Protein backbone atom coordinates (compact mmCIF):
# COMPACT_ATOMS: atom_id res chain seq x y z
CA UNK A 1 130.24 7.41 -103.49
CA UNK A 2 130.87 9.31 -106.76
CA UNK A 3 133.84 8.28 -108.86
CA UNK A 4 136.58 10.95 -108.79
CA UNK A 5 137.83 9.83 -112.22
CA UNK A 6 134.51 10.73 -113.82
CA UNK A 7 135.16 13.41 -116.52
CA UNK A 8 132.01 15.29 -115.54
CA UNK A 9 133.13 15.54 -111.91
CA UNK A 10 136.61 16.61 -113.00
CA UNK A 11 135.09 19.36 -115.13
CA UNK A 12 132.94 20.48 -112.19
CA UNK A 13 136.03 20.68 -109.95
CA UNK A 14 137.94 22.65 -112.60
CA UNK A 15 135.02 25.06 -112.95
CA UNK A 16 134.88 25.50 -109.16
CA UNK A 17 138.61 26.31 -109.04
CA UNK A 18 138.25 28.83 -111.87
CA UNK A 19 135.23 30.42 -110.18
CA UNK A 20 137.13 30.68 -106.88
CA UNK A 21 140.15 32.31 -108.52
CA UNK A 22 137.99 34.75 -110.48
CA UNK A 23 136.13 35.66 -107.29
CA UNK A 24 139.40 36.31 -105.46
CA UNK A 25 140.75 38.45 -108.31
CA UNK A 26 137.50 40.41 -108.44
CA UNK A 27 137.54 41.02 -104.70
CA UNK A 28 141.15 42.23 -104.83
CA UNK A 29 140.36 44.53 -107.76
CA UNK A 30 137.39 46.09 -105.97
CA UNK A 31 139.40 46.54 -102.77
CA UNK A 32 142.22 48.16 -104.73
CA UNK A 33 139.76 50.46 -106.49
CA UNK A 34 138.18 51.46 -103.19
CA UNK A 35 141.59 52.04 -101.62
CA UNK A 36 142.73 54.24 -104.50
CA UNK A 37 139.50 56.23 -104.40
CA UNK A 38 139.85 56.73 -100.65
CA UNK A 39 143.46 57.88 -101.09
CA UNK A 40 142.49 60.32 -103.84
CA UNK A 41 139.59 61.54 -101.71
CA UNK A 42 141.92 62.09 -98.76
CA UNK A 43 144.39 64.09 -100.86
CA UNK A 44 141.53 66.14 -102.32
CA UNK A 45 140.28 66.82 -98.80
CA UNK A 46 143.75 67.93 -97.69
CA UNK A 47 143.87 70.25 -100.71
CA UNK A 48 140.46 71.64 -99.75
CA UNK A 49 141.61 72.26 -96.17
CA UNK A 50 144.72 74.07 -97.40
CA UNK A 51 142.75 76.31 -99.74
CA UNK A 52 140.10 76.93 -97.06
CA UNK A 53 142.78 78.01 -94.58
CA UNK A 54 144.30 80.33 -97.20
CA UNK A 55 140.84 81.74 -97.94
CA UNK A 56 140.23 82.41 -94.24
CA UNK A 57 143.29 84.72 -94.11
CA UNK A 58 142.55 86.29 -97.50
CA UNK A 59 145.19 84.54 -99.64
CA UNK A 60 142.82 82.57 -101.89
CA UNK A 61 139.60 83.55 -103.68
CA UNK A 62 136.28 81.86 -102.90
CA UNK A 63 136.26 80.22 -106.36
CA UNK A 64 139.33 78.18 -105.43
CA UNK A 65 137.52 76.89 -102.33
CA UNK A 66 134.57 75.81 -104.47
CA UNK A 67 136.87 74.10 -106.98
CA UNK A 68 138.59 72.16 -104.20
CA UNK A 69 135.22 71.19 -102.75
CA UNK A 70 134.16 69.86 -106.18
CA UNK A 71 137.03 67.37 -106.11
CA UNK A 72 136.01 66.07 -102.69
CA UNK A 73 132.37 65.81 -103.79
CA UNK A 74 133.35 63.95 -106.97
CA UNK A 75 135.33 61.34 -105.04
CA UNK A 76 132.48 60.90 -102.54
CA UNK A 77 130.10 60.45 -105.48
CA UNK A 78 132.37 57.86 -107.11
CA UNK A 79 132.63 55.85 -103.88
CA UNK A 80 128.86 55.96 -103.33
CA UNK A 81 128.22 54.85 -106.93
CA UNK A 82 130.64 51.95 -106.52
CA UNK A 83 128.95 50.84 -103.29
CA UNK A 84 125.50 51.18 -104.85
CA UNK A 85 126.50 49.10 -107.88
CA UNK A 86 128.08 46.38 -105.77
CA UNK A 87 125.15 46.13 -103.36
CA UNK A 88 122.71 45.96 -106.28
CA UNK A 89 124.64 43.11 -107.86
CA UNK A 90 124.86 41.30 -104.51
CA UNK A 91 121.12 41.64 -103.97
CA UNK A 92 120.35 40.32 -107.46
CA UNK A 93 122.66 37.33 -107.03
CA UNK A 94 121.19 36.52 -103.61
CA UNK A 95 117.67 36.80 -105.01
CA UNK A 96 118.59 34.43 -107.85
CA UNK A 97 120.12 31.89 -105.48
CA UNK A 98 117.05 32.11 -103.25
CA UNK A 99 114.87 31.43 -106.30
CA UNK A 100 117.00 28.42 -107.20
CA UNK A 101 116.69 27.08 -103.66
CA UNK A 102 112.93 27.57 -103.84
CA UNK A 103 112.82 25.60 -107.11
CA UNK A 104 114.90 22.82 -105.56
CA UNK A 105 112.56 22.63 -102.56
CA UNK A 106 109.52 22.45 -104.81
CA UNK A 107 111.09 19.72 -106.90
CA UNK A 108 111.93 17.78 -103.74
CA UNK A 109 108.31 18.11 -102.58
CA UNK A 110 107.00 16.92 -105.95
CA UNK A 111 109.44 14.01 -105.87
CA UNK A 112 108.30 13.12 -102.37
CA UNK A 113 104.64 13.28 -103.42
CA UNK A 114 105.30 11.00 -106.38
CA UNK A 115 107.20 8.48 -104.28
CA UNK A 116 104.42 8.38 -101.63
CA UNK A 117 101.73 7.89 -104.30
CA UNK A 118 103.57 4.89 -105.76
CA UNK A 119 103.62 3.08 -102.40
């Protein structure tokens, strides 16, 4: 049983707490960013619908419809870029952890081979 008063173990526990809090803050920040982008996208879409309805009765020029559509497209692009960046980072982290697990398995196999040769 490891000693809980060991300074190394205490440092490991502090690092785990810091990592957990940073992860929670990061998750909240990304969720807030996504929520704000969705809200802005929704308001841009409502603006586009209003201008489109005015265009259909002849109260707005076609250029205004295109300008409103640009706002909706920009928000959709921003959301897709955010999702692409996050999924790329997630894939890289998972690949790294899989590599570390592979290294640990290989080391365990080497350790097992050495211990069986000594017997």
